[in-house]
């Protein structure tokens, strides 16, 4: 049985948590970015559609 110093274990835990958070963050960005772009494009298209139909930028 190898005896590990508690501080080393704490550092390992910290690095693992940070790594998981970064991983989750990159995945979120990867999935959210296309959604945001799509939402912006849909909004622009909707405004252009409303503008061509009514002639004003009314909601």
PDB file of N, CA and C in Angstrom:
ATOM      1  N   UNK A   1       0.854  -1.193   0.000  1.00  0.00           N
ATOM      2  CA  UNK A   1       0.000   0.000   0.000  1.00  0.00           C
ATOM      3  C   UNK A   1       0.893   1.247   0.000  1.00  0.00           C
ATOM      4  N   UNK A   2       0.717   2.074  -1.032  1.00  0.00           N
ATOM      5  CA  UNK A   2       1.509   3.303  -1.127  1.00  0.00           C
ATOM      6  C   UNK A   2       0.801   4.399  -0.345  1.00  0.00           C
ATOM      7  N   UNK A   3       1.549   5.043   0.538  1.00  0.00           N
ATOM      8  CA  UNK A   3       0.978   6.123   1.329  1.00  0.00           C
ATOM      9  C   UNK A   3       1.137   7.443   0.579  1.00  0.00           C
ATOM     10  N   UNK A   4      -0.008   8.040   0.254  1.00  0.00           N
ATOM     11  CA  UNK A   4       0.002   9.318  -0.444  1.00  0.00           C
ATOM     12  C   UNK A   4      -0.259  10.443   0.543  1.00  0.00           C
ATOM     13  N   UNK A   5       0.446  11.526   0.339  1.00  0.00           N
ATOM     14  CA  UNK A   5       0.244  12.699   1.176  1.00  0.00           C
ATOM     15  C   UNK A   5      -1.143  13.294   0.898  1.00  0.00           C
ATOM     16  N   UNK A   6      -1.886  13.663   1.936  1.00  0.00           N
ATOM     17  CA  UNK A   6      -3.222  14.241   1.727  1.00  0.00           C
ATOM     18  C   UNK A   6      -3.218  15.447   0.798  1.00  0.00           C
ATOM     19  N   UNK A   7      -2.154  16.261   0.856  1.00  0.00           N
ATOM     20  CA  UNK A   7      -2.093  17.436  -0.028  1.00  0.00           C
ATOM     21  C   UNK A   7      -2.019  17.016  -1.481  1.00  0.00           C
ATOM     22  N   UNK A   8      -1.271  15.927  -1.779  1.00  0.00           N
ATOM     23  CA  UNK A   8      -1.165  15.418  -3.145  1.00  0.00           C
ATOM     24  C   UNK A   8      -2.539  14.962  -3.622  1.00  0.00           C
ATOM     25  N   UNK A   9      -3.256  14.227  -2.760  1.00  0.00           N
ATOM     26  CA  UNK A   9      -4.603  13.759  -3.101  1.00  0.00           C
ATOM     27  C   UNK A   9      -5.502  14.957  -3.387  1.00  0.00           C
ATOM     28  N   UNK A  10      -5.372  15.998  -2.532  1.00  0.00           N
ATOM     29  CA  UNK A  10      -6.194  17.196  -2.716  1.00  0.00           C
ATOM     30  C   UNK A  10      -5.891  17.846  -4.068  1.00  0.00           C
ATOM     31  N   UNK A  11      -4.594  17.926  -4.430  1.00  0.00           N
ATOM     32  CA  UNK A  11      -4.214  18.510  -5.716  1.00  0.00           C
ATOM     33  C   UNK A  11      -4.769  17.701  -6.877  1.00  0.00           C
ATOM     34  N   UNK A  12      -4.678  16.361  -6.758  1.00  0.00           N
ATOM     35  CA  UNK A  12      -5.186  15.485  -7.812  1.00  0.00           C
ATOM     36  C   UNK A  12      -6.692  15.693  -7.984  1.00  0.00           C
ATOM     37  N   UNK A  13      -7.402  15.754  -6.854  1.00  0.00           N
ATOM     38  CA  UNK A  13      -8.843  15.984  -6.886  1.00  0.00           C
ATOM     39  C   UNK A  13      -9.146  17.314  -7.564  1.00  0.00           C
ATOM     40  N   UNK A  14      -8.392  18.352  -7.171  1.00  0.00           N
ATOM     41  CA  UNK A  14      -8.605  19.678  -7.723  1.00  0.00           C
ATOM     42  C   UNK A  14      -8.406  19.675  -9.235  1.00  0.00           C
ATOM     43  N   UNK A  15      -7.287  19.069  -9.686  1.00  0.00           N
ATOM     44  CA  UNK A  15      -6.999  19.015 -11.112  1.00  0.00           C
ATOM     45  C   UNK A  15      -8.076  18.243 -11.869  1.00  0.00           C
ATOM     46  N   UNK A  16      -8.554  17.144 -11.263  1.00  0.00           N
ATOM     47  CA  UNK A  16      -9.609  16.354 -11.899  1.00  0.00           C
ATOM     48  C   UNK A  16     -10.873  17.178 -12.061  1.00  0.00           C
ATOM     49  N   UNK A  17     -11.263  17.886 -10.993  1.00  0.00           N
ATOM     50  CA  UNK A  17     -12.479  18.711 -11.041  1.00  0.00           C
ATOM     51  C   UNK A  17     -12.334  19.805 -12.097  1.00  0.00           C
ATOM     52  N   UNK A  18     -11.171  20.484 -12.084  1.00  0.00           N
ATOM     53  CA  UNK A  18     -10.935  21.558 -13.060  1.00  0.00           C
ATOM     54  C   UNK A  18     -10.976  21.001 -14.481  1.00  0.00           C
ATOM     55  N   UNK A  19     -10.360  19.842 -14.677  1.00  0.00           N
ATOM     56  CA  UNK A  19     -10.364  19.221 -15.999  1.00  0.00           C
ATOM     57  C   UNK A  19     -11.770  18.888 -16.471  1.00  0.00           C
ATOM     58  N   UNK A  20     -12.575  18.303 -15.582  1.00  0.00           N
ATOM     59  CA  UNK A  20     -13.958  17.965 -15.929  1.00  0.00           C
ATOM     60  C   UNK A  20     -14.758  19.216 -16.261  1.00  0.00           C
ATOM     61  N   UNK A  21     -14.569  20.277 -15.470  1.00  0.00           N
ATOM     62  CA  UNK A  21     -15.292  21.533 -15.717  1.00  0.00           C
ATOM     63  C   UNK A  21     -14.904  22.101 -17.084  1.00  0.00           C
ATOM     64  N   UNK A  22     -13.606  22.097 -17.382  1.00  0.00           N
ATOM     65  CA  UNK A  22     -13.147  22.613 -18.675  1.00  0.00           C
ATOM     66  C   UNK A  22     -13.706  21.776 -19.819  1.00  0.00           C
ATOM     67  N   UNK A  23     -13.710  20.461 -19.638  1.00  0.00           N
ATOM     68  CA  UNK A  23     -14.242  19.559 -20.654  1.00  0.00           C
ATOM     69  C   UNK A  23     -15.718  19.848 -20.910  1.00  0.00           C
ATOM     70  N   UNK A  24     -16.483  19.939 -19.807  1.00  0.00           N
ATOM     71  CA  UNK A  24     -17.910  20.238 -19.927  1.00  0.00           C
ATOM     72  C   UNK A  24     -18.113  21.592 -20.601  1.00  0.00           C
ATOM     73  N   UNK A  25     -17.254  22.570 -20.248  1.00  0.00           N
ATOM     74  CA  UNK A  25     -17.380  23.907 -20.819  1.00  0.00           C
ATOM     75  C   UNK A  25     -17.143  23.889 -22.322  1.00  0.00           C
ATOM     76  N   UNK A  26     -16.099  23.165 -22.762  1.00  0.00           N
ATOM     77  CA  UNK A  26     -15.806  23.105 -24.192  1.00  0.00           C
ATOM     78  C   UNK A  26     -16.950  22.418 -24.942  1.00  0.00           C
ATOM     79  N   UNK A  27     -17.512  21.357 -24.348  1.00  0.00           N
ATOM     80  CA  UNK A  27     -18.643  20.676 -24.984  1.00  0.00           C
ATOM     81  C   UNK A  27     -19.843  21.597 -25.071  1.00  0.00           C
ATOM     82  N   UNK A  28     -20.098  22.353 -23.977  1.00  0.00           N
ATOM     83  CA  UNK A  28     -21.221  23.293 -23.970  1.00  0.00           C
ATOM     84  C   UNK A  28     -21.046  24.343 -25.057  1.00  0.00           C
ATOM     85  N   UNK A  29     -19.830  24.894 -25.145  1.00  0.00           N
ATOM     86  CA  UNK A  29     -19.566  25.916 -26.160  1.00  0.00           C
ATOM     87  C   UNK A  29     -19.778  25.331 -27.554  1.00  0.00           C
ATOM     88  N   UNK A  30     -19.281  24.096 -27.742  1.00  0.00           N
ATOM     89  CA  UNK A  30     -19.397  23.443 -29.044  1.00  0.00           C
ATOM     90  C   UNK A  30     -20.866  23.251 -29.432  1.00  0.00           C
ATOM     91  N   UNK A  31     -21.711  22.917 -28.441  1.00  0.00           N
ATOM     92  CA  UNK A  31     -23.129  22.686 -28.737  1.00  0.00           C
ATOM     93  C   UNK A  31     -23.930  23.972 -28.756  1.00  0.00           C
ATOM     94  N   UNK A  32     -23.550  24.943 -27.899  1.00  0.00           N
ATOM     95  CA  UNK A  32     -24.353  26.158 -27.759  1.00  0.00           C
ATOM     96  C   UNK A  32     -24.090  27.137 -28.897  1.00  0.00           C
ATOM     97  N   UNK A  33     -22.828  27.182 -29.374  1.00  0.00           N
ATOM     98  CA  UNK A  33     -22.476  28.153 -30.419  1.00  0.00           C
ATOM     99  C   UNK A  33     -23.367  28.026 -31.658  1.00  0.00           C
ATOM    100  N   UNK A  34     -23.562  26.817 -32.221  1.00  0.00           N
ATOM    101  CA  UNK A  34     -24.462  26.702 -33.386  1.00  0.00           C
ATOM    102  C   UNK A  34     -25.884  27.125 -33.054  1.00  0.00           C
ATOM    103  N   UNK A  35     -26.347  26.841 -31.829  1.00  0.00           N
ATOM    104  CA  UNK A  35     -27.700  27.232 -31.431  1.00  0.00           C
ATOM    105  C   UNK A  35     -27.830  28.744 -31.409  1.00  0.00           C
ATOM    106  N   UNK A  36     -26.800  29.427 -30.850  1.00  0.00           N
ATOM    107  CA  UNK A  36     -26.833  30.887 -30.789  1.00  0.00           C
ATOM    108  C   UNK A  36     -26.820  31.469 -32.201  1.00  0.00           C
ATOM    109  N   UNK A  37     -25.947  30.928 -33.067  1.00  0.00           N
ATOM    110  CA  UNK A  37     -25.865  31.404 -34.452  1.00  0.00           C
ATOM    111  C   UNK A  37     -27.203  31.193 -35.151  1.00  0.00           C
ATOM    112  N   UNK A  38     -27.806  30.028 -34.953  1.00  0.00           N
ATOM    113  CA  UNK A  38     -29.100  29.728 -35.568  1.00  0.00           C
ATOM    114  C   UNK A  38     -30.164  30.695 -35.064  1.00  0.00           C
ATOM    115  N   UNK A  39     -30.161  30.979 -33.755  1.00  0.00           N
ATOM    116  CA  UNK A  39     -31.143  31.892 -33.179  1.00  0.00           C
ATOM    117  C   UNK A  39     -30.990  33.289 -33.772  1.00  0.00           C
ATOM    118  N   UNK A  40     -29.732  33.739 -33.906  1.00  0.00           N
ATOM    119  CA  UNK A  40     -29.481  35.065 -34.486  1.00  0.00           C
ATOM    120  C   UNK A  40     -29.960  35.107 -35.930  1.00  0.00           C
ATOM    121  N   UNK A  41     -29.640  34.058 -36.705  1.00  0.00           N
ATOM    122  CA  UNK A  41     -30.048  34.015 -38.105  1.00  0.00           C
ATOM    123  C   UNK A  41     -31.564  34.003 -38.230  1.00  0.00           C
ATOM    124  N   UNK A  42     -32.239  33.215 -37.373  1.00  0.00           N
ATOM    125  CA  UNK A  42     -33.701  33.147 -37.395  1.00  0.00           C
ATOM    126  C   UNK A  42     -34.286  34.518 -37.072  1.00  0.00           C
ATOM    127  N   UNK A  43     -33.704  35.195 -36.064  1.00  0.00           N
ATOM    128  CA  UNK A  43     -34.185  36.527 -35.686  1.00  0.00           C
ATOM    129  C   UNK A  43     -34.044  37.503 -36.845  1.00  0.00           C
ATOM    130  N   UNK A  44     -32.856  37.495 -37.492  1.00  0.00           N
ATOM    131  CA  UNK A  44     -32.619  38.392 -38.628  1.00  0.00           C
ATOM    132  C   UNK A  44     -33.603  38.085 -39.756  1.00  0.00           C
ATOM    133  N   UNK A  45     -33.773  36.798 -40.047  1.00  0.00           N
ATOM    134  CA  UNK A  45     -34.688  36.390 -41.111  1.00  0.00           C
ATOM    135  C   UNK A  45     -36.116  36.831 -40.782  1.00  0.00           C
ATOM    136  N   UNK A  46     -36.508  36.691 -39.514  1.00  0.00           N
ATOM    137  CA  UNK A  46     -37.849  37.086 -39.093  1.00  0.00           C
ATOM    138  C   UNK A  46     -38.042  38.586 -39.284  1.00  0.00           C
ATOM    139  N   UNK A  47     -37.030  39.372 -38.868  1.00  0.00           N
ATOM    140  CA  UNK A  47     -37.129  40.825 -39.017  1.00  0.00           C
ATOM    141  C   UNK A  47     -37.207  41.221 -40.490  1.00  0.00           C
ATOM    142  N   UNK A  48     -36.370  40.566 -41.324  1.00  0.00           N
ATOM    143  CA  UNK A  48     -36.405  40.861 -42.759  1.00  0.00           C
ATOM    144  C   UNK A  48     -37.768  40.495 -43.348  1.00  0.00           C
ATOM    145  N   UNK A  49     -38.309  39.353 -42.922  1.00  0.00           N
ATOM    146  CA  UNK A  49     -39.628  38.919 -43.391  1.00  0.00           C
ATOM    147  C   UNK A  49     -40.699  39.927 -42.998  1.00  0.00           C
ATOM    148  N   UNK A  50     -40.674  40.339 -41.714  1.00  0.00           N
ATOM    149  CA  UNK A  50     -41.644  41.326 -41.240  1.00  0.00           C
ATOM    150  C   UNK A  50     -41.497  42.640 -42.004  1.00  0.00           C
ATOM    151  N   UNK A  51     -40.229  43.011 -42.296  1.00  0.00           N
ATOM    152  CA  UNK A  51     -39.972  44.268 -42.986  1.00  0.00           C
ATOM    153  C   UNK A  51     -40.515  44.235 -44.414  1.00  0.00           C
ATOM    154  N   UNK A  52     -40.314  43.098 -45.083  1.00  0.00           N
ATOM    155  CA  UNK A  52     -40.785  43.003 -46.468  1.00  0.00           C
ATOM    156  C   UNK A  52     -42.307  42.922 -46.508  1.00  0.00           C
ATOM    157  N   UNK A  53     -42.925  42.328 -45.489  1.00  0.00           N
ATOM    158  CA  UNK A  53     -44.380  42.167 -45.489  1.00  0.00           C
ATOM    159  C   UNK A  53     -45.069  43.467 -45.083  1.00  0.00           C
ATOM    160  N   UNK A  54     -44.627  44.063 -43.964  1.00  0.00           N
ATOM    161  CA  UNK A  54     -45.340  45.216 -43.427  1.00  0.00           C
ATOM    162  C   UNK A  54     -44.682  46.546 -43.806  1.00  0.00           C
ATOM    163  N   UNK A  55     -43.387  46.530 -44.140  1.00  0.00           N
ATOM    164  CA  UNK A  55     -42.681  47.756 -44.491  1.00  0.00           C
ATOM    165  C   UNK A  55     -42.149  48.498 -43.277  1.00  0.00           C
ATOM    166  N   UNK A  56     -42.388  47.956 -42.076  1.00  0.00           N
ATOM    167  CA  UNK A  56     -41.869  48.578 -40.850  1.00  0.00           C
ATOM    168  C   UNK A  56     -41.268  47.505 -39.961  1.00  0.00           C
ATOM    169  N   UNK A  57     -40.409  47.923 -39.031  1.00  0.00           N
ATOM    170  CA  UNK A  57     -39.794  46.979 -38.098  1.00  0.00           C
ATOM    171  C   UNK A  57     -40.657  46.829 -36.848  1.00  0.00           C
ATOM    172  N   UNK A  58     -41.920  46.523 -37.058  1.00  0.00           N
ATOM    173  CA  UNK A  58     -42.820  46.360 -35.915  1.00  0.00           C
ATOM    174  C   UNK A  58     -42.819  44.914 -35.457  1.00  0.00           C
ATOM    175  N   UNK A  59     -43.064  44.700 -34.183  1.00  0.00           N
ATOM    176  CA  UNK A  59     -43.094  43.341 -33.649  1.00  0.00           C
ATOM    177  C   UNK A  59     -44.443  42.698 -33.891  1.00  0.00           C
TER     178      UNK A  59
END
